[in-house]
Structure formats: structure tokens, C-alpha cells
Amino acid sequence: MASVIPVIFILAIVLGLMACGYLFVPKGPQQTTIRTAIMLTLASCYLMWMITYMAQLHPLITPYRATKAGESL
């Protein structure tokens, strides 16, 4: 049984990167745009990773093994 620890761990890393992106963007006329782009990129990447990870843990279609005639499981 897989745990929730990897999901929480990666979330903490992404939140840390978002905080760094928010704090260390240089001041200027495009500061808000750059901050928004960084945060949206990180959030999208995290969501894509999490959905893929969860889909592998709990697939919608259960894999099955085709058996040949005469074989038993």
C-alpha cells in the first residue's frame, strides 16, 4: 500500500519554490506577470505529477492476465 508521504513531500517542495519565486523576482513593471507565470507553472506541473501518480496507484481499469487453456492461476 502506497502512502501519502510522496504527495505531501513534493507539495512542500513546490510550495517552497513558489515562495522563492514570489520573494526573489526582481522589481519592475512586469513583476506581477512574472510571479503569476512562475506560480501557475509550478502549480500546473504539480497537478500533472499528482494526477499521474494517483492514476498509477489507483487505476480505473484493473489490469488482468490472459491465461492460456489449461493453465491455472
PDB file of N, CA and C in Angstrom:
ATOM      1  N   MET A   1       0.841  -1.172   0.000  1.00  0.00           N
ATOM      2  CA  MET A   1       0.000   0.000   0.000  1.00  0.00           C
ATOM      3  C   MET A   1       0.888   1.238   0.000  1.00  0.00           C
ATOM      4  N   ALA A   2       0.668   2.099  -0.935  1.00  0.00           N
ATOM      5  CA  ALA A   2       1.458   3.322  -1.019  1.00  0.00           C
ATOM      6  C   ALA A   2       0.937   4.341  -0.012  1.00  0.00           C
ATOM      7  N   SER A   3       1.808   5.240   0.340  1.00  0.00           N
ATOM      8  CA  SER A   3       1.413   6.235   1.334  1.00  0.00           C
ATOM      9  C   SER A   3       1.244   7.611   0.686  1.00  0.00           C
ATOM     10  N   VAL A   4       0.803   8.534   1.486  1.00  0.00           N
ATOM     11  CA  VAL A   4       0.570   9.905   1.043  1.00  0.00           C
ATOM     12  C   VAL A   4       1.847  10.730   1.189  1.00  0.00           C
ATOM     13  N   ILE A   5       2.869  10.155   1.776  1.00  0.00           N
ATOM     14  CA  ILE A   5       4.098  10.896   2.061  1.00  0.00           C
ATOM     15  C   ILE A   5       4.726  11.516   0.805  1.00  0.00           C
ATOM     16  N   PRO A   6       4.856  10.786  -0.325  1.00  0.00           N
ATOM     17  CA  PRO A   6       5.438  11.436  -1.514  1.00  0.00           C
ATOM     18  C   PRO A   6       4.635  12.641  -2.003  1.00  0.00           C
ATOM     19  N   VAL A   7       3.313  12.557  -1.928  1.00  0.00           N
ATOM     20  CA  VAL A   7       2.463  13.664  -2.389  1.00  0.00           C
ATOM     21  C   VAL A   7       2.681  14.891  -1.505  1.00  0.00           C
ATOM     22  N   ILE A   8       2.725  14.689  -0.187  1.00  0.00           N
ATOM     23  CA  ILE A   8       2.939  15.798   0.748  1.00  0.00           C
ATOM     24  C   ILE A   8       4.361  16.351   0.597  1.00  0.00           C
ATOM     25  N   PHE A   9       5.336  15.464   0.410  1.00  0.00           N
ATOM     26  CA  PHE A   9       6.730  15.885   0.268  1.00  0.00           C
ATOM     27  C   PHE A   9       6.925  16.756  -0.974  1.00  0.00           C
ATOM     28  N   ILE A  10       6.403  16.317  -2.101  1.00  0.00           N
ATOM     29  CA  ILE A  10       6.520  17.097  -3.341  1.00  0.00           C
ATOM     30  C   ILE A  10       5.740  18.403  -3.220  1.00  0.00           C
ATOM     31  N   LEU A  11       4.584  18.373  -2.549  1.00  0.00           N
ATOM     32  CA  LEU A  11       3.815  19.597  -2.329  1.00  0.00           C
ATOM     33  C   LEU A  11       4.623  20.613  -1.527  1.00  0.00           C
ATOM     34  N   ALA A  12       5.325  20.142  -0.498  1.00  0.00           N
ATOM     35  CA  ALA A  12       6.156  21.047   0.300  1.00  0.00           C
ATOM     36  C   ALA A  12       7.272  21.654  -0.544  1.00  0.00           C
ATOM     37  N   ILE A  13       7.874  20.855  -1.414  1.00  0.00           N
ATOM     38  CA  ILE A  13       8.929  21.374  -2.298  1.00  0.00           C
ATOM     39  C   ILE A  13       8.350  22.425  -3.248  1.00  0.00           C
ATOM     40  N   VAL A  14       7.196  22.134  -3.838  1.00  0.00           N
ATOM     41  CA  VAL A  14       6.578  23.078  -4.781  1.00  0.00           C
ATOM     42  C   VAL A  14       6.192  24.370  -4.069  1.00  0.00           C
ATOM     43  N   LEU A  15       5.645  24.259  -2.866  1.00  0.00           N
ATOM     44  CA  LEU A  15       5.298  25.472  -2.115  1.00  0.00           C
ATOM     45  C   LEU A  15       6.552  26.284  -1.773  1.00  0.00           C
ATOM     46  N   GLY A  16       7.647  25.613  -1.448  1.00  0.00           N
ATOM     47  CA  GLY A  16       8.903  26.315  -1.194  1.00  0.00           C
ATOM     48  C   GLY A  16       9.410  27.034  -2.438  1.00  0.00           C
ATOM     49  N   LEU A  17       9.312  26.356  -3.592  1.00  0.00           N
ATOM     50  CA  LEU A  17       9.717  27.001  -4.846  1.00  0.00           C
ATOM     51  C   LEU A  17       8.813  28.180  -5.192  1.00  0.00           C
ATOM     52  N   MET A  18       7.527  28.051  -4.892  1.00  0.00           N
ATOM     53  CA  MET A  18       6.614  29.176  -5.122  1.00  0.00           C
ATOM     54  C   MET A  18       6.969  30.365  -4.237  1.00  0.00           C
ATOM     55  N   ALA A  19       7.309  30.090  -2.989  1.00  0.00           N
ATOM     56  CA  ALA A  19       7.701  31.174  -2.087  1.00  0.00           C
ATOM     57  C   ALA A  19       8.977  31.850  -2.582  1.00  0.00           C
ATOM     58  N   CYS A  20       9.934  31.044  -3.041  1.00  0.00           N
ATOM     59  CA  CYS A  20      11.173  31.627  -3.588  1.00  0.00           C
ATOM     60  C   CYS A  20      10.884  32.444  -4.839  1.00  0.00           C
ATOM     61  N   GLY A  21      10.013  31.923  -5.688  1.00  0.00           N
ATOM     62  CA  GLY A  21       9.641  32.663  -6.892  1.00  0.00           C
ATOM     63  C   GLY A  21       8.949  33.968  -6.564  1.00  0.00           C
ATOM     64  N   TYR A  22       8.152  33.982  -5.522  1.00  0.00           N
ATOM     65  CA  TYR A  22       7.454  35.195  -5.117  1.00  0.00           C
ATOM     66  C   TYR A  22       8.430  36.209  -4.521  1.00  0.00           C
ATOM     67  N   LEU A  23       9.349  35.742  -3.702  1.00  0.00           N
ATOM     68  CA  LEU A  23      10.228  36.656  -2.979  1.00  0.00           C
ATOM     69  C   LEU A  23      11.405  37.172  -3.810  1.00  0.00           C
ATOM     70  N   PHE A  24      11.906  36.376  -4.742  1.00  0.00           N
ATOM     71  CA  PHE A  24      13.139  36.736  -5.425  1.00  0.00           C
ATOM     72  C   PHE A  24      12.970  37.233  -6.850  1.00  0.00           C
ATOM     73  N   VAL A  25      11.751  37.529  -7.264  1.00  0.00           N
ATOM     74  CA  VAL A  25      11.546  38.135  -8.580  1.00  0.00           C
ATOM     75  C   VAL A  25      11.959  39.600  -8.487  1.00  0.00           C
ATOM     76  N   PRO A  26      12.818  40.047  -9.420  1.00  0.00           N
ATOM     77  CA  PRO A  26      13.262  41.446  -9.349  1.00  0.00           C
ATOM     78  C   PRO A  26      12.114  42.426  -9.585  1.00  0.00           C
ATOM     79  N   LYS A  27      12.224  43.562  -8.945  1.00  0.00           N
ATOM     80  CA  LYS A  27      11.194  44.595  -9.091  1.00  0.00           C
ATOM     81  C   LYS A  27      11.236  45.170 -10.504  1.00  0.00           C
ATOM     82  N   GLY A  28      10.085  45.536 -10.968  1.00  0.00           N
ATOM     83  CA  GLY A  28       9.990  46.106 -12.299  1.00  0.00           C
ATOM     84  C   GLY A  28       8.542  46.152 -12.736  1.00  0.00           C
ATOM     85  N   PRO A  29       8.311  46.627 -13.945  1.00  0.00           N
ATOM     86  CA  PRO A  29       6.928  46.761 -14.414  1.00  0.00           C
ATOM     87  C   PRO A  29       6.241  45.416 -14.664  1.00  0.00           C
ATOM     88  N   GLN A  30       7.005  44.349 -14.873  1.00  0.00           N
ATOM     89  CA  GLN A  30       6.436  43.039 -15.164  1.00  0.00           C
ATOM     90  C   GLN A  30       6.515  42.078 -13.975  1.00  0.00           C
ATOM     91  N   GLN A  31       6.734  42.602 -12.778  1.00  0.00           N
ATOM     92  CA  GLN A  31       6.921  41.755 -11.605  1.00  0.00           C
ATOM     93  C   GLN A  31       5.703  40.868 -11.343  1.00  0.00           C
ATOM     94  N   THR A  32       4.539  41.411 -11.410  1.00  0.00           N
ATOM     95  CA  THR A  32       3.323  40.639 -11.151  1.00  0.00           C
ATOM     96  C   THR A  32       3.124  39.553 -12.202  1.00  0.00           C
ATOM     97  N   THR A  33       3.404  39.885 -13.450  1.00  0.00           N
ATOM     98  CA  THR A  33       3.260  38.910 -14.528  1.00  0.00           C
ATOM     99  C   THR A  33       4.239  37.757 -14.359  1.00  0.00           C
ATOM    100  N   ILE A  34       5.480  38.067 -14.006  1.00  0.00           N
ATOM    101  CA  ILE A  34       6.490  37.026 -13.817  1.00  0.00           C
ATOM    102  C   ILE A  34       6.131  36.146 -12.631  1.00  0.00           C
ATOM    103  N   ARG A  35       5.699  36.753 -11.529  1.00  0.00           N
ATOM    104  CA  ARG A  35       5.293  35.971 -10.352  1.00  0.00           C
ATOM    105  C   ARG A  35       4.140  35.041 -10.701  1.00  0.00           C
ATOM    106  N   THR A  36       3.150  35.566 -11.406  1.00  0.00           N
ATOM    107  CA  THR A  36       1.994  34.759 -11.781  1.00  0.00           C
ATOM    108  C   THR A  36       2.401  33.611 -12.687  1.00  0.00           C
ATOM    109  N   ALA A  37       3.273  33.866 -13.634  1.00  0.00           N
ATOM    110  CA  ALA A  37       3.726  32.819 -14.548  1.00  0.00           C
ATOM    111  C   ALA A  37       4.483  31.723 -13.803  1.00  0.00           C
ATOM    112  N   ILE A  38       5.348  32.105 -12.886  1.00  0.00           N
ATOM    113  CA  ILE A  38       6.111  31.119 -12.111  1.00  0.00           C
ATOM    114  C   ILE A  38       5.177  30.270 -11.266  1.00  0.00           C
ATOM    115  N   MET A  39       4.251  30.902 -10.586  1.00  0.00           N
ATOM    116  CA  MET A  39       3.350  30.152  -9.704  1.00  0.00           C
ATOM    117  C   MET A  39       2.390  29.258 -10.487  1.00  0.00           C
ATOM    118  N   LEU A  40       1.875  29.744 -11.601  1.00  0.00           N
ATOM    119  CA  LEU A  40       0.995  28.907 -12.418  1.00  0.00           C
ATOM    120  C   LEU A  40       1.744  27.719 -13.016  1.00  0.00           C
ATOM    121  N   THR A  41       2.984  27.941 -13.430  1.00  0.00           N
ATOM    122  CA  THR A  41       3.790  26.856 -13.973  1.00  0.00           C
ATOM    123  C   THR A  41       4.032  25.783 -12.927  1.00  0.00           C
ATOM    124  N   LEU A  42       4.433  26.188 -11.729  1.00  0.00           N
ATOM    125  CA  LEU A  42       4.685  25.220 -10.669  1.00  0.00           C
ATOM    126  C   LEU A  42       3.407  24.490 -10.251  1.00  0.00           C
ATOM    127  N   ALA A  43       2.298  25.208 -10.155  1.00  0.00           N
ATOM    128  CA  ALA A  43       1.036  24.570  -9.783  1.00  0.00           C
ATOM    129  C   ALA A  43       0.581  23.577 -10.846  1.00  0.00           C
ATOM    130  N   SER A  44       0.729  23.931 -12.107  1.00  0.00           N
ATOM    131  CA  SER A  44       0.335  23.029 -13.194  1.00  0.00           C
ATOM    132  C   SER A  44       1.202  21.780 -13.221  1.00  0.00           C
ATOM    133  N   CYS A  45       2.498  21.955 -13.041  1.00  0.00           N
ATOM    134  CA  CYS A  45       3.408  20.798 -13.021  1.00  0.00           C
ATOM    135  C   CYS A  45       3.094  19.884 -11.843  1.00  0.00           C
ATOM    136  N   TYR A  46       2.815  20.468 -10.684  1.00  0.00           N
ATOM    137  CA  TYR A  46       2.472  19.648  -9.517  1.00  0.00           C
ATOM    138  C   TYR A  46       1.175  18.879  -9.743  1.00  0.00           C
ATOM    139  N   LEU A  47       0.160  19.552 -10.267  1.00  0.00           N
ATOM    140  CA  LEU A  47      -1.107  18.869 -10.509  1.00  0.00           C
ATOM    141  C   LEU A  47      -0.955  17.743 -11.518  1.00  0.00           C
ATOM    142  N   MET A  48      -0.170  17.967 -12.571  1.00  0.00           N
ATOM    143  CA  MET A  48       0.050  16.925 -13.568  1.00  0.00           C
ATOM    144  C   MET A  48       0.774  15.736 -12.942  1.00  0.00           C
ATOM    145  N   TRP A  49       1.787  16.004 -12.140  1.00  0.00           N
ATOM    146  CA  TRP A  49       2.513  14.928 -11.474  1.00  0.00           C
ATOM    147  C   TRP A  49       1.588  14.170 -10.522  1.00  0.00           C
ATOM    148  N   MET A  50       0.816  14.892  -9.723  1.00  0.00           N
ATOM    149  CA  MET A  50      -0.042  14.247  -8.727  1.00  0.00           C
ATOM    150  C   MET A  50      -1.117  13.392  -9.399  1.00  0.00           C
ATOM    151  N   ILE A  51      -1.723  13.878 -10.453  1.00  0.00           N
ATOM    152  CA  ILE A  51      -2.749  13.111 -11.157  1.00  0.00           C
ATOM    153  C   ILE A  51      -2.151  11.848 -11.752  1.00  0.00           C
ATOM    154  N   THR A  52      -0.974  11.957 -12.357  1.00  0.00           N
ATOM    155  CA  THR A  52      -0.307  10.788 -12.924  1.00  0.00           C
ATOM    156  C   THR A  52       0.065   9.793 -11.837  1.00  0.00           C
ATOM    157  N   TYR A  53       0.585  10.275 -10.725  1.00  0.00           N
ATOM    158  CA  TYR A  53       0.981   9.415  -9.607  1.00  0.00           C
ATOM    159  C   TYR A  53      -0.229   8.690  -9.034  1.00  0.00           C
ATOM    160  N   MET A  54      -1.320   9.423  -8.808  1.00  0.00           N
ATOM    161  CA  MET A  54      -2.512   8.809  -8.249  1.00  0.00           C
ATOM    162  C   MET A  54      -3.168   7.829  -9.233  1.00  0.00           C
ATOM    163  N   ALA A  55      -3.096   8.123 -10.527  1.00  0.00           N
ATOM    164  CA  ALA A  55      -3.662   7.211 -11.520  1.00  0.00           C
ATOM    165  C   ALA A  55      -2.898   5.897 -11.558  1.00  0.00           C
ATOM    166  N   GLN A  56      -1.609   5.938 -11.271  1.00  0.00           N
ATOM    167  CA  GLN A  56      -0.838   4.703 -11.227  1.00  0.00           C
ATOM    168  C   GLN A  56      -1.124   3.923  -9.952  1.00  0.00           C
ATOM    169  N   LEU A  57      -1.437   4.623  -8.870  1.00  0.00           N
ATOM    170  CA  LEU A  57      -1.743   3.935  -7.622  1.00  0.00           C
ATOM    171  C   LEU A  57      -3.124   3.292  -7.645  1.00  0.00           C
ATOM    172  N   HIS A  58      -4.089   3.985  -8.243  1.00  0.00           N
ATOM    173  CA  HIS A  58      -5.475   3.518  -8.264  1.00  0.00           C
ATOM    174  C   HIS A  58      -6.015   3.592  -9.692  1.00  0.00           C
ATOM    175  N   PRO A  59      -5.647   2.631 -10.540  1.00  0.00           N
ATOM    176  CA  PRO A  59      -6.104   2.694 -11.936  1.00  0.00           C
ATOM    177  C   PRO A  59      -7.608   2.474 -12.044  1.00  0.00           C
ATOM    178  N   LEU A  60      -8.233   3.104 -13.048  1.00  0.00           N
ATOM    179  CA  LEU A  60      -9.667   2.944 -13.264  1.00  0.00           C
ATOM    180  C   LEU A  60      -9.986   1.565 -13.827  1.00  0.00           C
ATOM    181  N   ILE A  61      -9.108   1.064 -14.691  1.00  0.00           N
ATOM    182  CA  ILE A  61      -9.298  -0.254 -15.285  1.00  0.00           C
ATOM    183  C   ILE A  61      -8.267  -1.179 -14.658  1.00  0.00           C
ATOM    184  N   THR A  62      -8.740  -2.223 -14.027  1.00  0.00           N
ATOM    185  CA  THR A  62      -7.837  -3.155 -13.373  1.00  0.00           C
ATOM    186  C   THR A  62      -7.130  -4.008 -14.413  1.00  0.00           C
ATOM    187  N   PRO A  63      -5.803  -4.081 -14.340  1.00  0.00           N
ATOM    188  CA  PRO A  63      -5.096  -4.933 -15.294  1.00  0.00           C
ATOM    189  C   PRO A  63      -5.450  -6.405 -15.063  1.00  0.00           C
ATOM    190  N   TYR A  64      -5.529  -7.153 -16.114  1.00  0.00           N
ATOM    191  CA  TYR A  64      -5.830  -8.577 -15.983  1.00  0.00           C
ATOM    192  C   TYR A  64      -4.826  -9.370 -16.797  1.00  0.00           C
ATOM    193  N   ARG A  65      -4.721 -10.628 -16.441  1.00  0.00           N
ATOM    194  CA  ARG A  65      -3.760 -11.501 -17.100  1.00  0.00           C
ATOM    195  C   ARG A  65      -4.535 -12.533 -17.907  1.00  0.00           C
ATOM    196  N   ALA A  66      -4.250 -12.576 -19.205  1.00  0.00           N
ATOM    197  CA  ALA A  66      -4.901 -13.562 -20.057  1.00  0.00           C
ATOM    198  C   ALA A  66      -4.224 -14.911 -19.806  1.00  0.00           C
ATOM    199  N   THR A  67      -5.030 -15.924 -19.595  1.00  0.00           N
ATOM    200  CA  THR A  67      -4.479 -17.260 -19.344  1.00  0.00           C
ATOM    201  C   THR A  67      -4.698 -18.126 -20.564  1.00  0.00           C
ATOM    202  N   LYS A  68      -3.754 -19.025 -20.775  1.00  0.00           N
ATOM    203  CA  LYS A  68      -3.886 -19.982 -21.859  1.00  0.00           C
ATOM    204  C   LYS A  68      -4.759 -21.136 -21.384  1.00  0.00           C
ATOM    205  N   ALA A  69      -5.310 -21.861 -22.315  1.00  0.00           N
ATOM    206  CA  ALA A  69      -6.164 -23.012 -21.964  1.00  0.00           C
ATOM    207  C   ALA A  69      -5.324 -24.031 -21.192  1.00  0.00           C
ATOM    208  N   GLY A  70      -5.812 -24.471 -20.086  1.00  0.00           N
ATOM    209  CA  GLY A  70      -5.135 -25.486 -19.314  1.00  0.00           C
ATOM    210  C   GLY A  70      -4.286 -24.928 -18.186  1.00  0.00           C
ATOM    211  N   GLU A  71      -4.026 -23.631 -18.170  1.00  0.00           N
ATOM    212  CA  GLU A  71      -3.235 -23.027 -17.099  1.00  0.00           C
ATOM    213  C   GLU A  71      -4.147 -22.653 -15.946  1.00  0.00           C
ATOM    214  N   SER A  72      -3.600 -22.738 -14.777  1.00  0.00           N
ATOM    215  CA  SER A  72      -4.350 -22.285 -13.625  1.00  0.00           C
ATOM    216  C   SER A  72      -3.581 -21.163 -12.949  1.00  0.00           C
ATOM    217  N   LEU A  73      -4.298 -20.293 -12.284  1.00  0.00           N
ATOM    218  CA  LEU A  73      -3.654 -19.192 -11.593  1.00  0.00           C
ATOM    219  C   LEU A  73      -3.178 -19.714 -10.300  1.00  0.00           C
TER     220      LEU A  73
END
